[in-house]
């Protein structure tokens, strides 16, 4: 019998047989949450879905909300919902646990939600802002030359001209 071994679950799968061992679903991730967190998750999902056209899907241990790219995701934990909102700025507020910059444009703001009543302004405003940002066309920021970059470019130019910078004085070498 022809087939293959699944590299996730190491189960033998015959050719033509459907196999999905990577069955992460919203229900599987949120099924064993306490009642307060269940209600918070339902309200958060309802609000996220009401923002407009998007993809909502489970991936590994998170539930992603995406337009062209993910604009926020939720990681259900035992005592809280960890919500990561991608914006172009760092958020400040009692809900914000930390912020990180995963790219030059985006800032990942990590929030903890423990109750249904926490899914209201300013959290909903931040989600709405992230949704709008995810659908906006990417606009490249104008290139500004910093002093360090100008200095580096100057050094490259002098190297191209066979110059050496030594103790602040430029000594030119002869080309051979």
C-alpha atoms as a PDB file:
ATOM      1  CA  UNK A   1       0.000   0.000   0.000  1.00  0.00           C
ATOM      2  CA  UNK A   2       1.538   3.299  -1.142  1.00  0.00           C
ATOM      3  CA  UNK A   3       1.648   6.207   1.259  1.00  0.00           C
ATOM      4  CA  UNK A   4       3.829   8.354   3.469  1.00  0.00           C
ATOM      5  CA  UNK A   5       4.560   9.065   7.102  1.00  0.00           C
ATOM      6  CA  UNK A   6       3.179  12.410   8.342  1.00  0.00           C
ATOM      7  CA  UNK A   7       6.058  14.497   9.643  1.00  0.00           C
ATOM      8  CA  UNK A   8       3.844  16.079  12.343  1.00  0.00           C
ATOM      9  CA  UNK A   9       2.150  13.120  13.989  1.00  0.00           C
ATOM     10  CA  UNK A  10       4.319  10.293  12.521  1.00  0.00           C
ATOM     11  CA  UNK A  11       1.132   8.486  11.430  1.00  0.00           C
ATOM     12  CA  UNK A  12       1.076   6.472   8.185  1.00  0.00           C
ATOM     13  CA  UNK A  13      -1.158   8.135   5.563  1.00  0.00           C
ATOM     14  CA  UNK A  14      -2.137   6.199   2.443  1.00  0.00           C
ATOM     15  CA  UNK A  15      -2.149   7.988  -0.913  1.00  0.00           C
ATOM     16  CA  UNK A  16      -5.403   9.780  -1.659  1.00  0.00           C
ATOM     17  CA  UNK A  17      -6.561   9.676   1.979  1.00  0.00           C
ATOM     18  CA  UNK A  18      -7.307  13.092   3.514  1.00  0.00           C
ATOM     19  CA  UNK A  19      -5.139  13.793   6.545  1.00  0.00           C
ATOM     20  CA  UNK A  20      -5.158  16.837   8.771  1.00  0.00           C
ATOM     21  CA  UNK A  21      -3.312  16.301  12.025  1.00  0.00           C
ATOM     22  CA  UNK A  22      -2.646  19.994  12.431  1.00  0.00           C
ATOM     23  CA  UNK A  23      -6.188  20.689  13.523  1.00  0.00           C
ATOM     24  CA  UNK A  24      -5.912  24.005  15.261  1.00  0.00           C
ATOM     25  CA  UNK A  25      -9.313  25.671  15.392  1.00  0.00           C
ATOM     26  CA  UNK A  26     -10.798  28.570  17.292  1.00  0.00           C
ATOM     27  CA  UNK A  27     -12.974  26.122  19.231  1.00  0.00           C
ATOM     28  CA  UNK A  28      -9.954  24.011  20.207  1.00  0.00           C
ATOM     29  CA  UNK A  29      -8.023  27.066  21.413  1.00  0.00           C
ATOM     30  CA  UNK A  30     -10.902  28.657  23.353  1.00  0.00           C
ATOM     31  CA  UNK A  31     -12.843  25.567  24.452  1.00  0.00           C
ATOM     32  CA  UNK A  32     -11.326  25.169  27.912  1.00  0.00           C
ATOM     33  CA  UNK A  33     -11.299  28.860  28.892  1.00  0.00           C
ATOM     34  CA  UNK A  34     -13.114  30.024  32.056  1.00  0.00           C
ATOM     35  CA  UNK A  35     -16.515  31.672  31.543  1.00  0.00           C
ATOM     36  CA  UNK A  36     -15.197  35.261  31.934  1.00  0.00           C
ATOM     37  CA  UNK A  37     -12.552  34.684  29.280  1.00  0.00           C
ATOM     38  CA  UNK A  38     -15.061  32.921  26.995  1.00  0.00           C
ATOM     39  CA  UNK A  39     -17.289  35.994  27.111  1.00  0.00           C
ATOM     40  CA  UNK A  40     -14.325  38.322  26.562  1.00  0.00           C
ATOM     41  CA  UNK A  41     -13.210  36.220  23.585  1.00  0.00           C
ATOM     42  CA  UNK A  42     -16.719  36.231  22.063  1.00  0.00           C
ATOM     43  CA  UNK A  43     -16.954  40.009  22.392  1.00  0.00           C
ATOM     44  CA  UNK A  44     -13.453  40.506  20.989  1.00  0.00           C
ATOM     45  CA  UNK A  45     -14.153  38.228  18.014  1.00  0.00           C
ATOM     46  CA  UNK A  46     -17.518  39.865  17.384  1.00  0.00           C
ATOM     47  CA  UNK A  47     -15.949  43.329  17.368  1.00  0.00           C
ATOM     48  CA  UNK A  48     -13.050  42.218  15.166  1.00  0.00           C
ATOM     49  CA  UNK A  49     -15.384  40.584  12.655  1.00  0.00           C
ATOM     50  CA  UNK A  50     -17.598  43.698  12.542  1.00  0.00           C
ATOM     51  CA  UNK A  51     -14.726  45.863  11.294  1.00  0.00           C
ATOM     52  CA  UNK A  52     -15.066  44.629   7.722  1.00  0.00           C
ATOM     53  CA  UNK A  53     -13.691  42.209   5.141  1.00  0.00           C
ATOM     54  CA  UNK A  54     -10.855  40.084   6.553  1.00  0.00           C
ATOM     55  CA  UNK A  55      -9.598  36.571   7.286  1.00  0.00           C
ATOM     56  CA  UNK A  56     -10.010  35.120  10.764  1.00  0.00           C
ATOM     57  CA  UNK A  57      -8.143  31.867  11.274  1.00  0.00           C
ATOM     58  CA  UNK A  58      -6.364  29.792  13.894  1.00  0.00           C
ATOM     59  CA  UNK A  59      -2.641  29.304  13.556  1.00  0.00           C
ATOM     60  CA  UNK A  60      -0.612  27.243  16.023  1.00  0.00           C
ATOM     61  CA  UNK A  61      -1.704  28.697  19.406  1.00  0.00           C
ATOM     62  CA  UNK A  62      -3.144  32.021  18.177  1.00  0.00           C
ATOM     63  CA  UNK A  63      -6.242  33.282  16.424  1.00  0.00           C
ATOM     64  CA  UNK A  64      -5.285  35.712  13.681  1.00  0.00           C
ATOM     65  CA  UNK A  65      -7.255  38.633  12.238  1.00  0.00           C
ATOM     66  CA  UNK A  66      -5.844  39.722   8.898  1.00  0.00           C
ATOM     67  CA  UNK A  67      -6.546  41.894   5.893  1.00  0.00           C
ATOM     68  CA  UNK A  68      -3.499  41.904   3.632  1.00  0.00           C
ATOM     69  CA  UNK A  69      -1.398  41.168   6.706  1.00  0.00           C
ATOM     70  CA  UNK A  70      -2.229  40.338  10.306  1.00  0.00           C
ATOM     71  CA  UNK A  71      -3.350  43.419  12.206  1.00  0.00           C
ATOM     72  CA  UNK A  72      -4.031  41.707  15.531  1.00  0.00           C
ATOM     73  CA  UNK A  73      -4.051  38.252  17.043  1.00  0.00           C
ATOM     74  CA  UNK A  74      -5.246  36.639  20.264  1.00  0.00           C
ATOM     75  CA  UNK A  75      -3.421  34.002  22.298  1.00  0.00           C
ATOM     76  CA  UNK A  76      -5.803  32.405  24.801  1.00  0.00           C
ATOM     77  CA  UNK A  77      -4.061  31.741  28.130  1.00  0.00           C
ATOM     78  CA  UNK A  78      -5.417  30.197  31.346  1.00  0.00           C
ATOM     79  CA  UNK A  79      -5.927  33.514  33.160  1.00  0.00           C
ATOM     80  CA  UNK A  80      -6.135  36.102  30.368  1.00  0.00           C
ATOM     81  CA  UNK A  81      -6.340  36.687  26.626  1.00  0.00           C
ATOM     82  CA  UNK A  82      -3.068  37.979  25.263  1.00  0.00           C
ATOM     83  CA  UNK A  83      -3.917  40.382  22.437  1.00  0.00           C
ATOM     84  CA  UNK A  84      -1.186  41.631  20.110  1.00  0.00           C
ATOM     85  CA  UNK A  85      -2.165  44.750  18.128  1.00  0.00           C
ATOM     86  CA  UNK A  86       0.057  45.913  15.255  1.00  0.00           C
ATOM     87  CA  UNK A  87       0.171  49.694  14.903  1.00  0.00           C
ATOM     88  CA  UNK A  88       2.661  52.263  13.687  1.00  0.00           C
ATOM     89  CA  UNK A  89       3.153  53.646  17.196  1.00  0.00           C
ATOM     90  CA  UNK A  90       3.698  52.528  20.775  1.00  0.00           C
ATOM     91  CA  UNK A  91       0.519  52.479  22.856  1.00  0.00           C
ATOM     92  CA  UNK A  92       0.312  53.722  26.423  1.00  0.00           C
ATOM     93  CA  UNK A  93      -2.360  52.669  28.871  1.00  0.00           C
ATOM     94  CA  UNK A  94      -3.036  50.321  31.767  1.00  0.00           C
ATOM     95  CA  UNK A  95      -4.007  47.494  29.366  1.00  0.00           C
ATOM     96  CA  UNK A  96      -0.639  47.585  27.544  1.00  0.00           C
ATOM     97  CA  UNK A  97       1.881  45.153  29.027  1.00  0.00           C
ATOM     98  CA  UNK A  98       4.746  45.722  26.602  1.00  0.00           C
ATOM     99  CA  UNK A  99       5.591  46.900  23.116  1.00  0.00           C
ATOM    100  CA  UNK A 100       8.128  45.591  20.624  1.00  0.00           C
ATOM    101  CA  UNK A 101       9.156  46.676  17.147  1.00  0.00           C
ATOM    102  CA  UNK A 102       9.173  43.588  14.875  1.00  0.00           C
ATOM    103  CA  UNK A 103       9.840  45.719  11.765  1.00  0.00           C
ATOM    104  CA  UNK A 104      10.696  49.270  10.759  1.00  0.00           C
ATOM    105  CA  UNK A 105       7.021  50.132  10.270  1.00  0.00           C
ATOM    106  CA  UNK A 106       5.060  48.066  12.814  1.00  0.00           C
ATOM    107  CA  UNK A 107       4.975  48.089  16.587  1.00  0.00           C
ATOM    108  CA  UNK A 108       3.537  45.034  18.331  1.00  0.00           C
ATOM    109  CA  UNK A 109       1.571  46.182  21.390  1.00  0.00           C
ATOM    110  CA  UNK A 110       0.754  43.362  23.822  1.00  0.00           C
ATOM    111  CA  UNK A 111      -2.453  43.725  25.870  1.00  0.00           C
ATOM    112  CA  UNK A 112      -3.966  41.456  28.531  1.00  0.00           C
ATOM    113  CA  UNK A 113      -7.761  41.087  28.578  1.00  0.00           C
ATOM    114  CA  UNK A 114      -9.298  39.376  31.622  1.00  0.00           C
ATOM    115  CA  UNK A 115     -12.975  40.319  31.392  1.00  0.00           C
ATOM    116  CA  UNK A 116     -15.659  41.099  28.821  1.00  0.00           C
ATOM    117  CA  UNK A 117     -15.951  44.704  30.033  1.00  0.00           C
ATOM    118  CA  UNK A 118     -12.331  45.384  29.053  1.00  0.00           C
ATOM    119  CA  UNK A 119     -13.241  45.015  25.368  1.00  0.00           C
ATOM    120  CA  UNK A 120     -14.314  48.631  24.992  1.00  0.00           C
ATOM    121  CA  UNK A 121     -12.624  51.976  24.294  1.00  0.00           C
ATOM    122  CA  UNK A 122      -9.651  52.478  24.082  1.00  0.00           C
ATOM    123  CA  UNK A 123      -9.016  48.813  23.136  1.00  0.00           C
ATOM    124  CA  UNK A 124     -11.690  48.858  20.418  1.00  0.00           C
ATOM    125  CA  UNK A 125     -10.295  52.163  19.100  1.00  0.00           C
ATOM    126  CA  UNK A 126      -6.834  50.608  18.836  1.00  0.00           C
ATOM    127  CA  UNK A 127      -8.230  47.566  16.992  1.00  0.00           C
ATOM    128  CA  UNK A 128     -10.088  49.837  14.586  1.00  0.00           C
ATOM    129  CA  UNK A 129      -6.920  51.863  13.978  1.00  0.00           C
ATOM    130  CA  UNK A 130      -4.933  48.672  13.339  1.00  0.00           C
ATOM    131  CA  UNK A 131      -7.609  47.458  10.883  1.00  0.00           C
ATOM    132  CA  UNK A 132      -7.419  50.744   8.949  1.00  0.00           C
ATOM    133  CA  UNK A 133      -3.612  50.652   8.973  1.00  0.00           C
ATOM    134  CA  UNK A 134      -3.547  47.066   7.649  1.00  0.00           C
ATOM    135  CA  UNK A 135      -5.697  48.071   4.677  1.00  0.00           C
ATOM    136  CA  UNK A 136      -3.823  51.262   3.860  1.00  0.00           C
ATOM    137  CA  UNK A 137      -1.324  51.311   1.049  1.00  0.00           C
ATOM    138  CA  UNK A 138       2.236  51.107   2.261  1.00  0.00           C
ATOM    139  CA  UNK A 139       3.820  54.506   1.900  1.00  0.00           C
ATOM    140  CA  UNK A 140       7.584  54.605   1.968  1.00  0.00           C
ATOM    141  CA  UNK A 141       8.988  57.207   4.277  1.00  0.00           C
ATOM    142  CA  UNK A 142      11.310  59.715   2.608  1.00  0.00           C
ATOM    143  CA  UNK A 143      14.947  58.800   2.936  1.00  0.00           C
ATOM    144  CA  UNK A 144      16.738  61.157   5.269  1.00  0.00           C
ATOM    145  CA  UNK A 145      20.459  61.093   5.542  1.00  0.00           C
ATOM    146  CA  UNK A 146      21.685  61.102   9.068  1.00  0.00           C
ATOM    147  CA  UNK A 147      25.069  62.397  10.084  1.00  0.00           C
ATOM    148  CA  UNK A 148      26.333  58.841  10.592  1.00  0.00           C
ATOM    149  CA  UNK A 149      25.188  57.791   7.147  1.00  0.00           C
ATOM    150  CA  UNK A 150      26.726  60.866   5.516  1.00  0.00           C
ATOM    151  CA  UNK A 151      29.975  60.131   7.319  1.00  0.00           C
ATOM    152  CA  UNK A 152      29.857  56.494   6.143  1.00  0.00           C
ATOM    153  CA  UNK A 153      29.134  57.592   2.573  1.00  0.00           C
ATOM    154  CA  UNK A 154      31.985  60.070   2.793  1.00  0.00           C
ATOM    155  CA  UNK A 155      34.323  57.350   3.997  1.00  0.00           C
ATOM    156  CA  UNK A 156      33.208  55.111   1.128  1.00  0.00           C
ATOM    157  CA  UNK A 157      33.830  57.929  -1.325  1.00  0.00           C
ATOM    158  CA  UNK A 158      37.283  58.543   0.014  1.00  0.00           C
ATOM    159  CA  UNK A 159      38.047  54.803  -0.167  1.00  0.00           C
ATOM    160  CA  UNK A 160      36.904  54.805  -3.774  1.00  0.00           C
ATOM    161  CA  UNK A 161      39.275  57.671  -4.421  1.00  0.00           C
ATOM    162  CA  UNK A 162      42.046  55.688  -2.746  1.00  0.00           C
ATOM    163  CA  UNK A 163      42.184  57.916   0.304  1.00  0.00           C
ATOM    164  CA  UNK A 164      42.806  56.778   3.837  1.00  0.00           C
ATOM    165  CA  UNK A 165      41.475  58.577   6.890  1.00  0.00           C
ATOM    166  CA  UNK A 166      44.020  58.468   9.668  1.00  0.00           C
ATOM    167  CA  UNK A 167      43.783  60.412  12.939  1.00  0.00           C
ATOM    168  CA  UNK A 168      41.484  62.983  11.409  1.00  0.00           C
ATOM    169  CA  UNK A 169      43.811  63.826   8.515  1.00  0.00           C
ATOM    170  CA  UNK A 170      43.234  62.583   4.989  1.00  0.00           C
ATOM    171  CA  UNK A 171      46.323  61.084   3.378  1.00  0.00           C
ATOM    172  CA  UNK A 172      45.950  60.320  -0.307  1.00  0.00           C
ATOM    173  CA  UNK A 173      47.655  57.305  -1.828  1.00  0.00           C
ATOM    174  CA  UNK A 174      48.892  57.149  -5.344  1.00  0.00           C
ATOM    175  CA  UNK A 175      47.061  54.894  -7.742  1.00  0.00           C
ATOM    176  CA  UNK A 176      49.276  52.209  -9.170  1.00  0.00           C
END
